[in-house]
Amino acid sequence: MPQLVNYYDVLGVSRTATGDEIKKSFRRLARLYHPDLNPGNKSAEEKFKDINEAYHVLSDEQRRIEYNSTLKENKRSEKRVGEKGNSNGNGKAPRTEEDLWKFKDNANAKRAKITSSTRLNRRDVEAKLTLPLEKAYQGGRQRIRLEDGRSIEVDMPAAMIDGQKIRLKGQGLEGGDLYLKITIARHPFFRIQGSDIVCQVPITPSEAIVGGFVEIPTIDGLVKMMIPNGVKSGQRLRLANKGYPNFQGERGDQLVEIQLVNPPYPSPEELELYKKIRAIETFNPRQGL
């Protein structure tokens, strides 16, 4: 009879261990035997697999109940075999060739039953991954560490969006799939609105009055944008096709919100010029109040 692996012994916990105790022991052992920390150590690699397998079963209440039942039945079977010795199912040792084949078939059937009852079911798992906006836009290779202690390298697609799920075939447990749920971290300058990117760009009073080209950050790098003369604070200008790609690969626009900012410490020369402008300007924003 094949020996059933005792997952409690693998994790070093008792049969009455709580879920928290099982998780704590698993994390400790996973860190100890992780392949990244034991390069080339096949023994540690096999131990790490056993630890993951044990945790997969014992961390799930229903699987743990089924496993406990199988473990108990396996011990009973071992006891009966010890008491009866080798037999063909009726307490008698096989004597003829036909009896021998019946005995082997019977043993194989029992072994298949035990294997079937203890085989880990294919299990899909989900993990969260937070990325900066630039990485989500560019995609590329990314190494991530999962909660079960594994470290894997993933080829990320370009133009990922917040809440998107990426399927990694066969990277789950026991041949299941791994689903990465993407969260895009808040960017200090850009905001995503659908397929448009919104940003605020400060300009000086002279730039607002005279107009001209200024450099504007985009997710592709700096570009020059024409500021029309007389632009107002809060006004939005549009950079076509500089937004975020949608699922069809079509890009939105970048909306640039103008913020008029006065110089905090004008030089004496600048201050003198502002005084001259003040003396000759004709515009009165309070007219009609």
Protein backbone atom coordinates (compact mmCIF):
# COMPACT_ATOMS: atom_id res chain seq x y z
CA MET A 1 0.00 0.00 0.00
CA PRO A 2 1.46 3.42 -0.93
CA GLN A 3 2.43 5.62 1.97
CA LEU A 4 0.16 8.65 2.30
CA VAL A 5 2.13 11.86 2.91
CA ASN A 6 1.42 13.36 6.33
CA TYR A 7 0.98 17.04 5.56
CA TYR A 8 0.92 17.91 9.26
CA ASP A 9 4.44 16.50 9.60
CA VAL A 10 5.54 18.39 6.47
CA LEU A 11 4.49 21.72 8.01
CA GLY A 12 5.55 20.70 11.52
CA VAL A 13 2.12 21.30 13.09
CA SER A 14 -0.29 19.16 15.08
CA ARG A 15 -3.55 17.67 13.81
CA THR A 16 -5.42 20.28 15.89
CA ALA A 17 -3.44 23.28 14.56
CA THR A 18 -5.46 26.40 13.77
CA GLY A 19 -5.50 28.08 10.37
CA ASP A 20 -3.25 30.86 11.66
CA GLU A 21 -0.74 28.34 13.02
CA ILE A 22 -0.68 26.52 9.68
CA LYS A 23 -0.16 29.77 7.77
CA LYS A 24 2.58 30.94 10.13
CA SER A 25 4.47 27.65 9.82
CA PHE A 26 4.06 27.63 6.04
CA ARG A 27 5.49 31.14 5.65
CA ARG A 28 8.44 30.33 7.89
CA LEU A 29 9.28 27.16 5.96
CA ALA A 30 8.63 28.77 2.57
CA ARG A 31 11.18 31.47 3.33
CA LEU A 32 13.66 28.84 4.55
CA TYR A 33 13.43 26.56 1.50
CA HIS A 34 12.56 29.06 -1.25
CA PRO A 35 14.48 28.20 -4.48
CA ASP A 36 15.66 31.80 -4.85
CA LEU A 37 17.46 31.46 -1.52
CA ASN A 38 18.79 27.96 -2.32
CA PRO A 39 19.98 28.11 -5.95
CA GLY A 40 20.87 24.71 -7.33
CA ASN A 41 19.70 22.87 -4.21
CA LYS A 42 17.35 20.16 -5.51
CA SER A 43 16.56 18.96 -1.99
CA ALA A 44 15.37 22.42 -0.97
CA GLU A 45 13.37 22.69 -4.19
CA GLU A 46 11.56 19.39 -3.50
CA LYS A 47 10.97 20.43 0.11
CA PHE A 48 9.50 23.73 -1.10
CA LYS A 49 7.09 21.83 -3.39
CA ASP A 50 6.02 19.58 -0.50
CA ILE A 51 5.43 22.62 1.71
CA ASN A 52 3.23 24.29 -0.93
CA GLU A 53 1.31 21.06 -1.47
CA ALA A 54 0.70 20.61 2.25
CA TYR A 55 -0.42 24.21 2.68
CA HIS A 56 -2.75 23.95 -0.32
CA VAL A 57 -4.61 21.09 1.39
CA LEU A 58 -4.55 22.16 5.04
CA SER A 59 -5.36 25.83 4.43
CA ASP A 60 -8.73 24.94 2.88
CA GLU A 61 -11.34 23.76 5.38
CA GLN A 62 -13.14 21.34 3.04
CA ARG A 63 -9.95 19.84 1.63
CA ARG A 64 -8.59 19.46 5.14
CA ILE A 65 -11.70 17.55 6.27
CA GLU A 66 -11.42 15.20 3.27
CA TYR A 67 -7.70 14.74 3.85
CA ASN A 68 -8.21 13.93 7.56
CA SER A 69 -10.76 11.32 6.57
CA THR A 70 -8.37 9.78 4.03
CA LEU A 71 -5.51 9.89 6.52
CA LYS A 72 -7.61 8.07 9.10
CA GLU A 73 -8.73 5.44 6.58
CA ASN A 74 -5.14 4.94 5.41
CA LYS A 75 -4.01 4.22 8.97
CA ARG A 76 -6.81 1.67 9.39
CA SER A 77 -5.79 -0.02 6.14
CA GLU A 78 -2.16 -0.18 7.25
CA LYS A 79 -3.26 -1.76 10.52
CA ARG A 80 -5.35 -4.40 8.73
CA VAL A 81 -2.45 -5.19 6.39
CA GLY A 82 -0.14 -5.57 9.36
CA GLU A 83 -2.54 -7.95 11.03
CA LYS A 84 -3.30 -10.09 7.98
CA GLY A 85 -0.02 -9.89 6.08
CA ASN A 86 -0.07 -10.01 2.30
CA SER A 87 -3.40 -11.28 1.03
CA ASN A 88 -5.54 -11.23 -2.09
CA GLY A 89 -8.53 -9.71 -0.35
CA ASN A 90 -9.84 -12.86 1.34
CA GLY A 91 -7.07 -13.27 3.94
CA LYS A 92 -5.18 -15.88 1.90
CA ALA A 93 -1.81 -15.40 0.27
CA PRO A 94 -1.83 -15.76 -3.56
CA ARG A 95 -0.75 -19.25 -4.60
CA THR A 96 -1.51 -19.58 -8.33
CA GLU A 97 -0.58 -17.18 -11.15
CA GLU A 98 -4.26 -16.26 -11.48
CA ASP A 99 -4.44 -15.49 -7.75
CA LEU A 100 -1.30 -13.37 -8.10
CA TRP A 101 -2.81 -11.24 -10.88
CA LYS A 102 -6.03 -10.82 -8.89
CA PHE A 103 -3.97 -9.71 -5.91
CA LYS A 104 -2.05 -7.17 -8.00
CA ASP A 105 -5.23 -5.81 -9.60
CA ASN A 106 -6.84 -5.49 -6.18
CA ALA A 107 -3.79 -3.67 -4.79
CA ASN A 108 -3.66 -1.36 -7.80
CA ALA A 109 -7.35 -0.55 -7.41
CA LYS A 110 -6.81 0.36 -3.76
CA ARG A 111 -3.76 2.44 -4.66
CA ALA A 112 -5.71 4.28 -7.39
CA LYS A 113 -8.52 5.00 -4.94
CA ILE A 114 -6.13 6.48 -2.40
CA THR A 115 -4.30 8.50 -5.08
CA SER A 116 -7.59 9.81 -6.45
CA SER A 117 -8.84 10.84 -3.03
CA THR A 118 -5.62 12.63 -2.13
CA ARG A 119 -4.77 14.16 -5.52
CA LEU A 120 -4.76 17.95 -5.31
CA ASN A 121 -7.42 19.49 -7.50
CA ARG A 122 -6.40 21.92 -10.19
CA ARG A 123 -6.74 25.32 -8.56
CA ASP A 124 -6.78 28.79 -10.09
CA VAL A 125 -5.42 31.51 -7.85
CA GLU A 126 -5.60 35.30 -7.95
CA ALA A 127 -2.95 37.79 -6.95
CA LYS A 128 -2.87 41.59 -6.90
CA LEU A 129 -0.15 43.57 -8.63
CA THR A 130 0.26 47.34 -8.31
CA LEU A 131 2.21 49.04 -11.08
CA PRO A 132 3.31 52.62 -11.73
CA LEU A 133 1.53 54.23 -14.67
CA GLU A 134 4.63 54.22 -16.87
CA LYS A 135 5.17 50.47 -16.34
CA ALA A 136 1.51 49.70 -17.01
CA TYR A 137 1.77 51.70 -20.25
CA GLN A 138 5.05 50.22 -21.47
CA GLY A 139 4.61 46.61 -20.30
CA GLY A 140 7.65 44.32 -20.46
CA ARG A 141 9.32 41.87 -18.11
CA GLN A 142 8.37 42.14 -14.45
CA ARG A 143 9.46 39.94 -11.53
CA ILE A 144 6.78 39.53 -8.88
CA ARG A 145 6.61 37.68 -5.57
CA LEU A 146 3.41 35.81 -4.75
CA GLU A 147 1.83 35.31 -1.33
CA ASP A 148 2.78 31.62 -1.37
CA GLY A 149 6.45 32.60 -1.49
CA ARG A 150 7.07 31.96 -5.18
CA SER A 151 8.95 34.51 -7.27
CA ILE A 152 8.12 34.49 -10.99
CA GLU A 153 9.01 36.63 -13.98
CA VAL A 154 6.07 37.77 -16.10
CA ASP A 155 6.01 39.22 -19.61
CA MET A 156 3.48 42.02 -19.08
CA PRO A 157 1.45 43.37 -22.03
CA ALA A 158 1.52 47.06 -22.86
CA ALA A 159 -1.32 49.50 -22.06
CA MET A 160 -2.74 47.69 -19.02
CA ILE A 161 -5.67 49.37 -17.28
CA ASP A 162 -6.79 49.55 -13.67
CA GLY A 163 -8.74 46.44 -12.66
CA GLN A 164 -7.56 44.38 -15.65
CA LYS A 165 -6.90 40.67 -15.08
CA ILE A 166 -4.01 38.88 -16.75
CA ARG A 167 -4.13 35.11 -17.04
CA LEU A 168 -0.89 33.17 -16.59
CA LYS A 169 -1.58 29.63 -17.73
CA GLY A 170 -0.27 26.88 -15.48
CA GLN A 171 1.13 29.28 -12.87
CA GLY A 172 -1.56 28.50 -10.30
CA LEU A 173 -1.56 25.48 -8.00
CA GLU A 174 -1.37 21.95 -9.39
CA GLY A 175 -1.55 23.09 -12.99
CA GLY A 176 -4.19 25.75 -12.40
CA ASP A 177 -3.94 29.28 -13.73
CA LEU A 178 -2.77 32.44 -12.03
CA TYR A 179 -4.83 35.61 -12.50
CA LEU A 180 -3.03 38.88 -11.84
CA LYS A 181 -5.38 41.74 -10.97
CA ILE A 182 -3.71 44.96 -12.05
CA THR A 183 -3.92 48.13 -9.97
CA ILE A 184 -2.30 51.28 -11.35
CA ALA A 185 -0.71 53.40 -8.65
CA ARG A 186 -1.75 57.02 -8.36
CA HIS A 187 0.53 59.21 -10.45
CA PRO A 188 1.80 62.53 -9.06
CA PHE A 189 1.18 64.37 -12.35
CA PHE A 190 -1.17 62.41 -14.67
CA ARG A 191 -4.80 61.34 -14.12
CA ILE A 192 -6.51 58.76 -16.33
CA GLN A 193 -10.06 59.54 -17.47
CA GLY A 194 -11.21 56.78 -19.80
CA SER A 195 -8.66 56.87 -22.59
CA ASP A 196 -7.73 60.51 -21.94
CA ILE A 197 -4.89 61.68 -19.72
CA VAL A 198 -5.43 64.86 -17.70
CA CYS A 199 -2.69 67.00 -16.22
CA GLN A 200 -2.22 70.52 -14.87
CA VAL A 201 0.58 72.68 -16.27
CA PRO A 202 1.64 75.95 -14.62
CA ILE A 203 2.56 78.95 -16.78
CA THR A 204 3.73 82.48 -15.99
CA PRO A 205 1.65 85.65 -16.56
CA SER A 206 3.87 86.63 -19.49
CA GLU A 207 3.43 83.19 -21.11
CA ALA A 208 -0.33 83.52 -20.69
CA ILE A 209 -0.42 87.00 -22.25
CA VAL A 210 2.12 86.59 -25.04
CA GLY A 211 1.72 82.85 -25.73
CA GLY A 212 4.36 80.63 -27.30
CA PHE A 213 5.72 77.09 -27.10
CA VAL A 214 6.25 75.40 -23.73
CA GLU A 215 7.43 71.86 -22.95
CA ILE A 216 4.72 69.55 -21.64
CA PRO A 217 5.35 66.11 -20.02
CA THR A 218 3.52 63.17 -21.62
CA ILE A 219 3.81 59.42 -20.98
CA ASP A 220 5.94 59.32 -24.14
CA GLY A 221 8.27 62.07 -22.90
CA LEU A 222 8.43 65.83 -23.30
CA VAL A 223 6.66 67.49 -26.24
CA LYS A 224 6.33 71.15 -27.20
CA MET A 225 2.83 72.59 -27.10
CA MET A 226 1.71 75.96 -28.43
CA ILE A 227 0.12 78.16 -25.77
CA PRO A 228 -2.24 80.65 -27.41
CA ASN A 229 -1.90 84.26 -26.32
CA GLY A 230 -4.50 85.34 -23.80
CA VAL A 231 -5.02 81.82 -22.40
CA LYS A 232 -6.93 81.76 -19.12
CA SER A 233 -6.21 79.90 -15.88
CA GLY A 234 -8.29 76.71 -15.77
CA GLN A 235 -8.61 76.55 -19.56
CA ARG A 236 -7.98 73.12 -21.09
CA LEU A 237 -5.83 72.58 -24.15
CA ARG A 238 -5.72 69.32 -26.08
CA LEU A 239 -2.78 67.23 -27.25
CA ALA A 240 -4.30 64.85 -29.80
CA ASN A 241 -3.41 61.14 -29.60
CA LYS A 242 -1.26 61.58 -26.50
CA GLY A 243 -3.70 59.84 -24.16
CA TYR A 244 -3.89 56.20 -23.01
CA PRO A 245 -4.54 53.32 -25.46
CA ASN A 246 -7.85 51.47 -25.21
CA PHE A 247 -8.43 47.77 -25.93
CA GLN A 248 -8.57 48.49 -29.67
CA GLY A 249 -5.19 50.19 -29.50
CA GLU A 250 -6.66 53.62 -30.18
CA ARG A 251 -5.25 56.42 -28.07
CA GLY A 252 -7.19 59.19 -26.43
CA ASP A 253 -5.96 62.74 -25.97
CA GLN A 254 -3.98 64.50 -23.28
CA LEU A 255 -5.96 67.34 -21.71
CA VAL A 256 -3.69 70.07 -20.38
CA GLU A 257 -5.32 72.30 -17.77
CA ILE A 258 -3.59 75.67 -17.57
CA GLN A 259 -2.67 76.99 -14.14
CA LEU A 260 -1.57 80.64 -14.04
CA VAL A 261 1.18 81.05 -11.43
CA ASN A 262 2.70 84.34 -10.34
CA PRO A 263 6.46 84.44 -9.67
CA PRO A 264 6.92 84.16 -5.88
CA TYR A 265 10.12 86.23 -5.77
CA PRO A 266 10.41 88.55 -8.78
CA SER A 267 13.79 90.13 -9.30
CA PRO A 268 14.11 93.93 -8.97
CA GLU A 269 14.25 94.22 -12.77
CA GLU A 270 11.11 92.13 -13.17
CA LEU A 271 9.33 94.09 -10.48
CA GLU A 272 10.23 97.35 -12.22
CA LEU A 273 8.81 96.07 -15.50
CA TYR A 274 5.60 94.96 -13.78
CA LYS A 275 5.26 98.48 -12.37
CA LYS A 276 5.61 99.94 -15.85
CA ILE A 277 2.99 97.56 -17.19
CA ARG A 278 0.72 98.43 -14.30
CA ALA A 279 1.06 102.11 -15.12
CA ILE A 280 0.08 101.73 -18.77
CA GLU A 281 -2.34 98.77 -18.77
CA THR A 282 -5.91 99.49 -19.82
CA PHE A 283 -7.63 96.28 -18.75
CA ASN A 284 -9.71 96.53 -15.59
CA PRO A 285 -11.10 93.16 -14.43
CA ARG A 286 -13.31 94.92 -11.81
CA GLN A 287 -15.11 97.12 -14.30
CA GLY A 288 -18.82 96.76 -13.93
CA LEU A 289 -18.75 95.54 -10.33
